PDB file of N, CA and C in Angstrom:
ATOM      1  N   MET A   1       1.735  14.673   4.549  1.00  0.00           N
ATOM      2  CA  MET A   1       0.860  13.639   3.631  1.00  0.00           C
ATOM      3  C   MET A   1       0.849  14.101   2.069  1.00  0.00           C
ATOM      4  N   ASN A   2       0.988  12.835   1.272  1.00  0.00           N
ATOM      5  CA  ASN A   2       0.853  13.370   0.302  1.00  0.00           C
ATOM      6  C   ASN A   2      -0.623  13.575  -0.723  1.00  0.00           C
ATOM      7  N   THR A   3      -0.780  14.596  -1.904  1.00  0.00           N
ATOM      8  CA  THR A   3      -1.949  14.490  -2.083  1.00  0.00           C
ATOM      9  C   THR A   3      -1.892  14.389  -3.556  1.00  0.00           C
ATOM     10  N   TYR A   4      -3.022  13.887  -4.284  1.00  0.00           N
ATOM     11  CA  TYR A   4      -2.869  13.384  -5.402  1.00  0.00           C
ATOM     12  C   TYR A   4      -4.510  13.824  -5.958  1.00  0.00           C
ATOM     13  N   LEU A   5      -4.291  14.265  -7.469  1.00  0.00           N
ATOM     14  CA  LEU A   5      -5.608  14.298  -7.938  1.00  0.00           C
ATOM     15  C   LEU A   5      -6.450  12.973  -8.337  1.00  0.00           C
ATOM     16  N   ALA A   6      -8.138  13.181  -7.729  1.00  0.00           N
ATOM     17  CA  ALA A   6      -8.791  11.898  -7.783  1.00  0.00           C
ATOM     18  C   ALA A   6      -8.926  11.545  -9.375  1.00  0.00           C
ATOM     19  N   GLY A   7      -8.913  10.368  -9.556  1.00  0.00           N
ATOM     20  CA  GLY A   7      -9.050   9.798 -11.201  1.00  0.00           C
ATOM     21  C   GLY A   7      -7.763   9.142 -11.196  1.00  0.00           C
ATOM     22  N   ASN A   8      -6.861   9.343 -10.648  1.00  0.00           N
ATOM     23  CA  ASN A   8      -5.192   8.941 -10.713  1.00  0.00           C
ATOM     24  C   ASN A   8      -4.840   7.486 -10.331  1.00  0.00           C
ATOM     25  N   ILE A   9      -4.194   7.037 -10.694  1.00  0.00           N
ATOM     26  CA  ILE A   9      -3.671   5.747 -10.025  1.00  0.00           C
ATOM     27  C   ILE A   9      -2.499   5.907  -8.964  1.00  0.00           C
ATOM     28  N   VAL A  10      -2.439   5.419  -7.741  1.00  0.00           N
ATOM     29  CA  VAL A  10      -1.502   5.929  -6.761  1.00  0.00           C
ATOM     30  C   VAL A  10      -1.186   4.583  -6.416  1.00  0.00           C
ATOM     31  N   ARG A  11       0.377   4.646  -6.438  1.00  0.00           N
ATOM     32  CA  ARG A  11       0.814   3.483  -6.118  1.00  0.00           C
ATOM     33  C   ARG A  11       1.271   3.820  -4.484  1.00  0.00           C
ATOM     34  N   VAL A  12       1.100   2.458  -3.983  1.00  0.00           N
ATOM     35  CA  VAL A  12       1.677   2.283  -2.499  1.00  0.00           C
ATOM     36  C   VAL A  12       2.374   0.930  -2.054  1.00  0.00           C
ATOM     37  N   ALA A  13       3.424   1.188  -1.556  1.00  0.00           N
ATOM     38  CA  ALA A  13       4.557   0.030  -1.588  1.00  0.00           C
ATOM     39  C   ALA A  13       4.893  -0.369  -0.061  1.00  0.00           C
ATOM     40  N   THR A  14       5.529  -1.362   0.223  1.00  0.00           N
ATOM     41  CA  THR A  14       5.771  -1.878   1.357  1.00  0.00           C
ATOM     42  C   THR A  14       7.526  -1.126   1.446  1.00  0.00           C
ATOM     43  N   TYR A  15       7.947  -0.243   0.217  1.00  0.00           N
ATOM     44  CA  TYR A  15       9.230   0.374   0.708  1.00  0.00           C
ATOM     45  C   TYR A  15       9.468   1.432  -0.465  1.00  0.00           C
ATOM     46  N   SER A  16      10.335   2.095  -0.189  1.00  0.00           N
ATOM     47  CA  SER A  16      10.535   3.377  -1.240  1.00  0.00           C
ATOM     48  C   SER A  16      11.963   3.221  -1.918  1.00  0.00           C
ATOM     49  N   GLY A  17      11.947   4.357  -2.935  1.00  0.00           N
ATOM     50  CA  GLY A  17      13.466   3.813  -3.753  1.00  0.00           C
ATOM     51  C   GLY A  17      13.102   3.196  -4.981  1.00  0.00           C
ATOM     52  N   THR A  18      13.946   2.481  -5.653  1.00  0.00           N
ATOM     53  CA  THR A  18      14.165   1.773  -6.651  1.00  0.00           C
ATOM     54  C   THR A  18      13.992   0.189  -5.837  1.00  0.00           C
ATOM     55  N   THR A  19      13.819  -0.979  -6.892  1.00  0.00           N
ATOM     56  CA  THR A  19      13.835  -2.102  -6.165  1.00  0.00           C
ATOM     57  C   THR A  19      15.450  -2.489  -6.517  1.00  0.00           C
ATOM     58  N   ALA A  20      16.325  -1.810  -7.121  1.00  0.00           N
ATOM     59  CA  ALA A  20      17.489  -1.929  -6.877  1.00  0.00           C
ATOM     60  C   ALA A  20      18.294  -1.569  -5.950  1.00  0.00           C
ATOM     61  N   SER A  21      17.532  -0.640  -4.973  1.00  0.00           N
ATOM     62  CA  SER A  21      17.961   0.075  -3.850  1.00  0.00           C
ATOM     63  C   SER A  21      16.936   0.549  -3.120  1.00  0.00           C
ATOM     64  N   PRO A  22      16.104  -0.434  -2.536  1.00  0.00           N
ATOM     65  CA  PRO A  22      15.156  -0.362  -1.829  1.00  0.00           C
ATOM     66  C   PRO A  22      15.367   0.280  -0.222  1.00  0.00           C
ATOM     67  N   VAL A  23      14.335   1.149   0.147  1.00  0.00           N
ATOM     68  CA  VAL A  23      14.553   1.303   1.683  1.00  0.00           C
ATOM     69  C   VAL A  23      13.211   1.109   2.138  1.00  0.00           C
ATOM     70  N   GLY A  24      13.392   0.019   3.038  1.00  0.00           N
ATOM     71  CA  GLY A  24      12.430  -0.562   4.106  1.00  0.00           C
ATOM     72  C   GLY A  24      11.997  -1.856   3.303  1.00  0.00           C
ATOM     73  N   GLY A  25      10.502  -2.169   2.964  1.00  0.00           N
ATOM     74  CA  GLY A  25      10.000  -3.312   2.680  1.00  0.00           C
ATOM     75  C   GLY A  25      10.246  -4.441   4.111  1.00  0.00           C
ATOM     76  N   PHE A  26       9.476  -5.613   3.593  1.00  0.00           N
ATOM     77  CA  PHE A  26       9.538  -6.597   4.679  1.00  0.00           C
ATOM     78  C   PHE A  26      10.749  -7.025   4.998  1.00  0.00           C
ATOM     79  N   GLN A  27      11.346  -7.326   6.400  1.00  0.00           N
ATOM     80  CA  GLN A  27      12.599  -7.996   6.513  1.00  0.00           C
ATOM     81  C   GLN A  27      12.730  -8.575   7.719  1.00  0.00           C
ATOM     82  N   ASP A  28      13.721  -9.479   7.735  1.00  0.00           N
ATOM     83  CA  ASP A  28      14.052  -9.942   8.976  1.00  0.00           C
ATOM     84  C   ASP A  28      14.309  -9.453  10.157  1.00  0.00           C
ATOM     85  N   GLN A  29      14.771 -10.253  11.400  1.00  0.00           N
ATOM     86  CA  GLN A  29      15.419  -9.639  12.654  1.00  0.00           C
ATOM     87  C   GLN A  29      16.600  -8.946  12.144  1.00  0.00           C
ATOM     88  N   ASN A  30      17.429  -9.380  11.309  1.00  0.00           N
ATOM     89  CA  ASN A  30      18.859  -8.934  10.820  1.00  0.00           C
ATOM     90  C   ASN A  30      18.586  -7.830   9.799  1.00  0.00           C
ATOM     91  N   GLY A  31      17.607  -7.379   9.295  1.00  0.00           N
ATOM     92  CA  GLY A  31      17.275  -6.492   8.471  1.00  0.00           C
ATOM     93  C   GLY A  31      17.460  -6.684   7.134  1.00  0.00           C
ATOM     94  N   VAL A  32      17.507  -8.293   7.066  1.00  0.00           N
ATOM     95  CA  VAL A  32      17.605  -8.649   5.364  1.00  0.00           C
ATOM     96  C   VAL A  32      16.169  -8.752   4.808  1.00  0.00           C
ATOM     97  N   PRO A  33      16.120  -8.184   3.207  1.00  0.00           N
ATOM     98  CA  PRO A  33      14.608  -8.625   2.718  1.00  0.00           C
ATOM     99  C   PRO A  33      14.253  -9.911   2.964  1.00  0.00           C
ATOM    100  N   ALA A  34      13.065 -10.129   3.500  1.00  0.00           N
ATOM    101  CA  ALA A  34      12.348 -11.617   3.419  1.00  0.00           C
ATOM    102  C   ALA A  34      10.794 -11.316   3.190  1.00  0.00           C
ATOM    103  N   ASP A  35      10.346 -12.317   2.953  1.00  0.00           N
ATOM    104  CA  ASP A  35       8.733 -12.648   2.527  1.00  0.00           C
ATOM    105  C   ASP A  35       7.986 -13.035   3.587  1.00  0.00           C
ATOM    106  N   PRO A  36       6.781 -12.537   4.130  1.00  0.00           N
ATOM    107  CA  PRO A  36       5.978 -12.976   5.029  1.00  0.00           C
ATOM    108  C   PRO A  36       5.707 -14.321   4.632  1.00  0.00           C
ATOM    109  N   THR A  37       4.867 -15.144   4.980  1.00  0.00           N
ATOM    110  CA  THR A  37       4.125 -16.485   4.815  1.00  0.00           C
ATOM    111  C   THR A  37       2.926 -15.731   3.819  1.00  0.00           C
ATOM    112  N   VAL A  38       2.254 -14.855   4.676  1.00  0.00           N
ATOM    113  CA  VAL A  38       0.943 -14.390   3.984  1.00  0.00           C
ATOM    114  C   VAL A  38       1.021 -12.695   4.121  1.00  0.00           C
ATOM    115  N   ILE A  39       0.841 -12.079   2.822  1.00  0.00           N
ATOM    116  CA  ILE A  39       0.860 -10.555   3.027  1.00  0.00           C
ATOM    117  C   ILE A  39      -0.461 -10.058   2.750  1.00  0.00           C
ATOM    118  N   THR A  40      -1.078  -9.229   3.327  1.00  0.00           N
ATOM    119  CA  THR A  40      -2.372  -8.408   3.243  1.00  0.00           C
ATOM    120  C   THR A  40      -2.258  -6.708   3.153  1.00  0.00           C
ATOM    121  N   MET A  41      -3.014  -6.398   2.131  1.00  0.00           N
ATOM    122  CA  MET A  41      -3.132  -5.041   2.121  1.00  0.00           C
ATOM    123  C   MET A  41      -4.431  -4.544   1.987  1.00  0.00           C
ATOM    124  N   SER A  42      -4.614  -3.907   3.306  1.00  0.00           N
ATOM    125  CA  SER A  42      -6.127  -3.460   3.318  1.00  0.00           C
ATOM    126  C   SER A  42      -6.014  -2.105   3.285  1.00  0.00           C
ATOM    127  N   TYR A  43      -7.218  -1.147   2.687  1.00  0.00           N
ATOM    128  CA  TYR A  43      -7.300   0.133   2.361  1.00  0.00           C
ATOM    129  C   TYR A  43      -8.940   0.577   2.464  1.00  0.00           C
ATOM    130  N   ARG A  44      -9.022   1.919   2.705  1.00  0.00           N
ATOM    131  CA  ARG A  44     -10.252   2.347   2.854  1.00  0.00           C
ATOM    132  C   ARG A  44     -10.288   3.540   2.113  1.00  0.00           C
ATOM    133  N   PRO A  45     -10.976   3.772   1.016  1.00  0.00           N
ATOM    134  CA  PRO A  45     -10.884   4.902   0.033  1.00  0.00           C
ATOM    135  C   PRO A  45     -11.766   6.156   0.723  1.00  0.00           C
ATOM    136  N   GLY A  46     -11.672   6.443   1.597  1.00  0.00           N
ATOM    137  CA  GLY A  46     -12.248   7.854   2.246  1.00  0.00           C
ATOM    138  C   GLY A  46     -12.606   7.393   3.625  1.00  0.00           C
ATOM    139  N   PRO A  47     -13.142   8.706   4.418  1.00  0.00           N
ATOM    140  CA  PRO A  47     -13.765   8.152   5.574  1.00  0.00           C
ATOM    141  C   PRO A  47     -15.290   7.623   5.073  1.00  0.00           C
ATOM    142  N   GLY A  48     -15.381   6.769   6.270  1.00  0.00           N
ATOM    143  CA  GLY A  48     -17.104   6.207   6.041  1.00  0.00           C
ATOM    144  C   GLY A  48     -16.874   5.160   5.144  1.00  0.00           C
ATOM    145  N   ALA A  49     -15.846   4.875   3.904  1.00  0.00           N
ATOM    146  CA  ALA A  49     -16.255   3.867   3.118  1.00  0.00           C
ATOM    147  C   ALA A  49     -15.769   2.574   3.951  1.00  0.00           C
ATOM    148  N   SER A  50     -16.193   1.303   3.138  1.00  0.00           N
ATOM    149  CA  SER A  50     -15.751   0.130   3.552  1.00  0.00           C
ATOM    150  C   SER A  50     -14.231  -0.128   3.170  1.00  0.00           C
ATOM    151  N   VAL A  51     -13.943  -0.975   4.131  1.00  0.00           N
ATOM    152  CA  VAL A  51     -12.327  -1.575   3.985  1.00  0.00           C
ATOM    153  C   VAL A  51     -12.332  -2.755   3.133  1.00  0.00           C
ATOM    154  N   ILE A  52     -11.586  -2.252   2.108  1.00  0.00           N
ATOM    155  CA  ILE A  52     -11.162  -3.013   0.963  1.00  0.00           C
ATOM    156  C   ILE A  52      -9.890  -4.351   1.226  1.00  0.00           C
ATOM    157  N   SER A  53      -9.701  -5.287   1.340  1.00  0.00           N
ATOM    158  CA  SER A  53      -8.537  -6.214   1.658  1.00  0.00           C
ATOM    159  C   SER A  53      -8.470  -7.225   0.436  1.00  0.00           C
ATOM    160  N   ALA A  54      -6.901  -7.394   0.039  1.00  0.00           N
ATOM    161  CA  ALA A  54      -6.564  -8.360  -1.107  1.00  0.00           C
ATOM    162  C   ALA A  54      -5.452  -9.191  -0.249  1.00  0.00           C
ATOM    163  N   VAL A  55      -5.102 -10.422  -0.332  1.00  0.00           N
ATOM    164  CA  VAL A  55      -4.208 -11.323   0.250  1.00  0.00           C
ATOM    165  C   VAL A  55      -3.276 -11.699  -1.080  1.00  0.00           C
ATOM    166  N   TYR A  56      -2.152 -11.585  -0.909  1.00  0.00           N
ATOM    167  CA  TYR A  56      -1.100 -11.704  -2.201  1.00  0.00           C
ATOM    168  C   TYR A  56      -0.995 -13.361  -2.240  1.00  0.00           C
ATOM    169  N   PRO A  57      -1.252 -13.728  -3.564  1.00  0.00           N
ATOM    170  CA  PRO A  57      -1.150 -12.988  -4.919  1.00  0.00           C
ATOM    171  C   PRO A  57      -2.171 -12.335  -5.651  1.00  0.00           C
ATOM    172  N   ALA A  58      -3.679 -11.910  -4.757  1.00  0.00           N
ATOM    173  CA  ALA A  58      -4.582 -11.281  -5.719  1.00  0.00           C
ATOM    174  C   ALA A  58      -4.179  -9.910  -5.747  1.00  0.00           C
ATOM    175  N   ALA A  59      -4.661  -9.552  -6.878  1.00  0.00           N
ATOM    176  CA  ALA A  59      -4.711  -7.845  -7.210  1.00  0.00           C
ATOM    177  C   ALA A  59      -5.462  -7.286  -6.032  1.00  0.00           C
ATOM    178  N   PRO A  60      -4.948  -6.068  -6.029  1.00  0.00           N
ATOM    179  CA  PRO A  60      -4.040  -5.506  -6.611  1.00  0.00           C
ATOM    180  C   PRO A  60      -2.376  -5.480  -6.143  1.00  0.00           C
ATOM    181  N   ILE A  61      -2.176  -6.563  -5.230  1.00  0.00           N
ATOM    182  CA  ILE A  61      -0.814  -6.726  -4.767  1.00  0.00           C
ATOM    183  C   ILE A  61       0.198  -7.163  -6.024  1.00  0.00           C
ATOM    184  N   ILE A  62       1.614  -6.554  -5.974  1.00  0.00           N
ATOM    185  CA  ILE A  62       2.224  -7.101  -6.911  1.00  0.00           C
ATOM    186  C   ILE A  62       3.429  -7.349  -6.300  1.00  0.00           C
ATOM    187  N   ARG A  63       4.376  -8.421  -6.388  1.00  0.00           N
ATOM    188  CA  ARG A  63       5.613  -8.459  -5.767  1.00  0.00           C
ATOM    189  C   ARG A  63       6.706  -8.148  -6.624  1.00  0.00           C
ATOM    190  N   ASP A  64       7.388  -7.452  -6.227  1.00  0.00           N
ATOM    191  CA  ASP A  64       8.606  -6.484  -7.072  1.00  0.00           C
ATOM    192  C   ASP A  64      10.090  -7.382  -6.720  1.00  0.00           C
ATOM    193  N   GLY A  65       9.840  -8.079  -5.479  1.00  0.00           N
ATOM    194  CA  GLY A  65      11.389  -8.608  -5.371  1.00  0.00           C
ATOM    195  C   GLY A  65      11.108  -9.048  -3.963  1.00  0.00           C
ATOM    196  N   THR A  66      12.046 -10.000  -3.188  1.00  0.00           N
ATOM    197  CA  THR A  66      11.818 -10.337  -1.754  1.00  0.00           C
ATOM    198  C   THR A  66      11.680  -9.102  -0.715  1.00  0.00           C
ATOM    199  N   GLY A  67      10.319  -9.473  -0.298  1.00  0.00           N
ATOM    200  CA  GLY A  67      10.013  -8.437   1.127  1.00  0.00           C
ATOM    201  C   GLY A  67       9.573  -6.927   0.406  1.00  0.00           C
ATOM    202  N   LEU A  68       9.621  -7.063  -1.080  1.00  0.00           N
ATOM    203  CA  LEU A  68       9.212  -5.651  -1.662  1.00  0.00           C
ATOM    204  C   LEU A  68       7.513  -6.137  -2.587  1.00  0.00           C
ATOM    205  N   TYR A  69       6.808  -5.099  -2.085  1.00  0.00           N
ATOM    206  CA  TYR A  69       5.428  -5.167  -2.689  1.00  0.00           C
ATOM    207  C   TYR A  69       4.665  -4.286  -3.019  1.00  0.00           C
ATOM    208  N   HIS A  70       3.971  -3.694  -3.968  1.00  0.00           N
ATOM    209  CA  HIS A  70       3.196  -2.597  -4.222  1.00  0.00           C
ATOM    210  C   HIS A  70       2.019  -2.980  -4.825  1.00  0.00           C
ATOM    211  N   ALA A  71       1.047  -1.869  -4.943  1.00  0.00           N
ATOM    212  CA  ALA A  71      -0.305  -2.026  -5.251  1.00  0.00           C
ATOM    213  C   ALA A  71      -0.667  -0.592  -6.004  1.00  0.00           C
ATOM    214  N   ASP A  72      -1.345  -0.520  -6.827  1.00  0.00           N
ATOM    215  CA  ASP A  72      -2.061   0.519  -7.353  1.00  0.00           C
ATOM    216  C   ASP A  72      -3.506   0.604  -7.294  1.00  0.00           C
ATOM    217  N   LEU A  73      -3.793   1.835  -6.459  1.00  0.00           N
ATOM    218  CA  LEU A  73      -5.018   2.056  -6.187  1.00  0.00           C
ATOM    219  C   LEU A  73      -5.536   3.265  -7.292  1.00  0.00           C
ATOM    220  N   ASP A  74      -6.915   2.783  -7.776  1.00  0.00           N
ATOM    221  CA  ASP A  74      -7.425   3.666  -8.689  1.00  0.00           C
ATOM    222  C   ASP A  74      -8.369   4.623  -7.911  1.00  0.00           C
ATOM    223  N   THR A  75      -8.184   5.946  -7.875  1.00  0.00           N
ATOM    224  CA  THR A  75      -9.124   6.929  -7.060  1.00  0.00           C
ATOM    225  C   THR A  75      -9.933   7.619  -7.644  1.00  0.00           C
ATOM    226  N   THR A  76     -10.397   6.793  -8.787  1.00  0.00           N
ATOM    227  CA  THR A  76     -11.807   7.612  -9.541  1.00  0.00           C
ATOM    228  C   THR A  76     -12.609   7.451  -8.522  1.00  0.00           C
ATOM    229  N   GLY A  77     -13.722   8.451  -8.553  1.00  0.00           N
ATOM    230  CA  GLY A  77     -14.980   8.375  -8.051  1.00  0.00           C
ATOM    231  C   GLY A  77     -14.649   8.729  -6.698  1.00  0.00           C
ATOM    232  N   THR A  78     -13.417   9.421  -6.096  1.00  0.00           N
ATOM    233  CA  THR A  78     -13.159   9.930  -5.037  1.00  0.00           C
ATOM    234  C   THR A  78     -14.237  11.107  -4.441  1.00  0.00           C
ATOM    235  N   SER A  79     -14.828  11.460  -3.538  1.00  0.00           N
ATOM    236  CA  SER A  79     -15.434  12.526  -3.277  1.00  0.00           C
ATOM    237  C   SER A  79     -14.342  13.728  -3.233  1.00  0.00           C
ATOM    238  N   PRO A  80     -14.723  14.877  -3.072  1.00  0.00           N
ATOM    239  CA  PRO A  80     -14.036  16.102  -3.425  1.00  0.00           C
ATOM    240  C   PRO A  80     -12.413  15.956  -2.675  1.00  0.00           C
ATOM    241  N   SER A  81     -12.702  15.990  -1.380  1.00  0.00           N
ATOM    242  CA  SER A  81     -11.150  15.350  -1.014  1.00  0.00           C
ATOM    243  C   SER A  81     -11.278  13.999   0.145  1.00  0.00           C
ATOM    244  N   ALA A  82     -10.475  13.198  -0.151  1.00  0.00           N
ATOM    245  CA  ALA A  82     -10.682  11.941   0.590  1.00  0.00           C
ATOM    246  C   ALA A  82      -9.330  11.683   1.388  1.00  0.00           C
ATOM    247  N   GLU A  83      -9.265  11.254   2.661  1.00  0.00           N
ATOM    248  CA  GLU A  83      -8.233  10.931   3.197  1.00  0.00           C
ATOM    249  C   GLU A  83      -8.039   9.175   2.814  1.00  0.00           C
ATOM    250  N   TRP A  84      -7.466   8.628   2.048  1.00  0.00           N
ATOM    251  CA  TRP A  84      -7.300   7.066   2.102  1.00  0.00           C
ATOM    252  C   TRP A  84      -6.307   6.542   2.902  1.00  0.00           C
ATOM    253  N   THR A  85      -6.456   5.682   3.645  1.00  0.00           N
ATOM    254  CA  THR A  85      -5.452   5.138   4.566  1.00  0.00           C
ATOM    255  C   THR A  85      -5.410   3.509   4.191  1.00  0.00           C
ATOM    256  N   TYR A  86      -4.385   3.082   4.167  1.00  0.00           N
ATOM    257  CA  TYR A  86      -4.082   1.828   3.921  1.00  0.00           C
ATOM    258  C   TYR A  86      -2.816   0.924   4.945  1.00  0.00           C
ATOM    259  N   LEU A  87      -2.966   0.127   5.030  1.00  0.00           N
ATOM    260  CA  LEU A  87      -2.120  -1.251   5.822  1.00  0.00           C
ATOM    261  C   LEU A  87      -1.598  -2.172   5.066  1.00  0.00           C
ATOM    262  N   TRP A  88      -0.364  -2.564   5.242  1.00  0.00           N
ATOM    263  CA  TRP A  88       0.348  -3.793   4.985  1.00  0.00           C
ATOM    264  C   TRP A  88       0.606  -4.531   6.168  1.00  0.00           C
ATOM    265  N   ASP A  89       0.081  -5.493   5.946  1.00  0.00           N
ATOM    266  CA  ASP A  89       0.445  -6.861   7.067  1.00  0.00           C
ATOM    267  C   ASP A  89       1.013  -7.999   6.636  1.00  0.00           C
ATOM    268  N   GLY A  90       2.134  -8.187   7.396  1.00  0.00           N
ATOM    269  CA  GLY A  90       2.827  -9.513   7.032  1.00  0.00           C
ATOM    270  C   GLY A  90       2.618 -10.602   8.184  1.00  0.00           C
ATOM    271  N   THR A  91       2.301 -11.558   7.810  1.00  0.00           N
ATOM    272  CA  THR A  91       2.333 -12.848   8.898  1.00  0.00           C
ATOM    273  C   THR A  91       3.122 -13.852   8.548  1.00  0.00           C
ATOM    274  N   GLY A  92       3.384 -14.656   9.748  1.00  0.00           N
ATOM    275  CA  GLY A  92       3.957 -15.825   9.559  1.00  0.00           C
ATOM    276  C   GLY A  92       5.391 -16.069   9.744  1.00  0.00           C
ATOM    277  N   ALA A  93       6.294 -16.396   8.449  1.00  0.00           N
ATOM    278  CA  ALA A  93       7.414 -16.470   8.773  1.00  0.00           C
ATOM    279  C   ALA A  93       8.212 -15.027   9.022  1.00  0.00           C
ATOM    280  N   ILE A  94       7.245 -13.709   8.782  1.00  0.00           N
ATOM    281  CA  ILE A  94       7.998 -12.585   9.104  1.00  0.00           C
ATOM    282  C   ILE A  94       6.649 -11.588   9.390  1.00  0.00           C
ATOM    283  N   GLN A  95       6.764 -11.227  10.732  1.00  0.00           N
ATOM    284  CA  GLN A  95       5.821 -10.423  10.938  1.00  0.00           C
ATOM    285  C   GLN A  95       6.114  -9.018  11.114  1.00  0.00           C
ATOM    286  N   ALA A  96       5.158  -8.293  10.178  1.00  0.00           N
ATOM    287  CA  ALA A  96       5.427  -6.857  10.282  1.00  0.00           C
ATOM    288  C   ALA A  96       4.233  -5.996   9.648  1.00  0.00           C
ATOM    289  N   ALA A  97       3.792  -4.776  10.220  1.00  0.00           N
ATOM    290  CA  ALA A  97       2.830  -4.361   9.671  1.00  0.00           C
ATOM    291  C   ALA A  97       3.255  -2.737   9.678  1.00  0.00           C
ATOM    292  N   ALA A  98       2.604  -1.932   8.629  1.00  0.00           N
ATOM    293  CA  ALA A  98       2.902  -0.511   8.510  1.00  0.00           C
ATOM    294  C   ALA A  98       1.608   0.198   7.820  1.00  0.00           C
ATOM    295  N   ALA A  99       1.379   1.201   8.308  1.00  0.00           N
ATOM    296  CA  ALA A  99       0.045   1.868   7.850  1.00  0.00           C
ATOM    297  C   ALA A  99       0.320   3.290   7.064  1.00  0.00           C
ATOM    298  N   ASN A 100      -0.345   3.593   6.336  1.00  0.00           N
ATOM    299  CA  ASN A 100      -0.160   5.220   5.933  1.00  0.00           C
ATOM    300  C   ASN A 100      -1.206   5.716   5.303  1.00  0.00           C
ATOM    301  N   ALA A 101      -1.206   7.074   4.856  1.00  0.00           N
ATOM    302  CA  ALA A 101      -2.429   7.788   4.070  1.00  0.00           C
ATOM    303  C   ALA A 101      -2.113   8.662   3.045  1.00  0.00           C
ATOM    304  N   PHE A 102      -2.973   8.911   2.502  1.00  0.00           N
ATOM    305  CA  PHE A 102      -2.764   9.817   1.286  1.00  0.00           C
ATOM    306  C   PHE A 102      -4.061  10.662   0.946  1.00  0.00           C
ATOM    307  N   ILE A 103      -3.800  11.768   0.471  1.00  0.00           N
ATOM    308  CA  ILE A 103      -5.126  12.532   0.178  1.00  0.00           C
ATOM    309  C   ILE A 103      -5.490  12.195  -1.363  1.00  0.00           C
ATOM    310  N   ALA A 104      -6.540  12.041  -1.694  1.00  0.00           N
ATOM    311  CA  ALA A 104      -7.017  11.983  -3.090  1.00  0.00           C
ATOM    312  C   ALA A 104      -8.128  13.215  -3.164  1.00  0.00           C
ATOM    313  N   THR A 105      -7.830  14.337  -4.206  1.00  0.00           N
ATOM    314  CA  THR A 105      -8.622  15.448  -4.210  1.00  0.00           C
ATOM    315  C   THR A 105      -9.297  15.964  -5.479  1.00  0.00           C
ATOM    316  N   SER A 106     -10.270  16.490  -5.636  1.00  0.00           N
ATOM    317  CA  SER A 106     -10.955  16.686  -7.032  1.00  0.00           C
ATOM    318  C   SER A 106     -10.252  17.962  -7.679  1.00  0.00           C
ATOM    319  N   PRO A 107      -9.794  17.579  -8.879  1.00  0.00           N
ATOM    320  CA  PRO A 107      -9.357  19.131  -9.570  1.00  0.00           C
ATOM    321  C   PRO A 107     -10.128  20.069  -9.608  1.00  0.00           C
ATOM    322  N   PHE A 108     -11.372  20.380  -9.255  1.00  0.00           N
ATOM    323  CA  PHE A 108     -12.203  20.954  -9.321  1.00  0.00           C
ATOM    324  C   PHE A 108     -12.877  21.804  -7.842  1.00  0.00           C
ATOM    325  N   LEU A 109     -11.718  21.699  -7.145  1.00  0.00           N
ATOM    326  CA  LEU A 109     -12.123  22.308  -5.679  1.00  0.00           C
ATOM    327  C   LEU A 109     -12.035  23.971  -5.861  1.00  0.00           C
TER     328      LEU A 109
END
């Protein structure tokens, strides 16, 4: 699991690599990049925190290309060491979901 200093912006995406050579992202049944009808990104900024959700095109979701989306999450105010969890969910034309997590930690532990 990746660890970042609290107070930084952490980019979470449906893909890795560059937009010119992406790995992953939303894809159709043939592995071709495709856009779901509805894209929802939900995240929990630490245990016990409320889940925050956004539906594209609402912030913080940004479309980088067909099937490629990212969101920049501000970890300012994170407790001394918090595990953030997030979920990308595509529905409609393409149905796919992917969850992941990272740790935001205080620089003064």
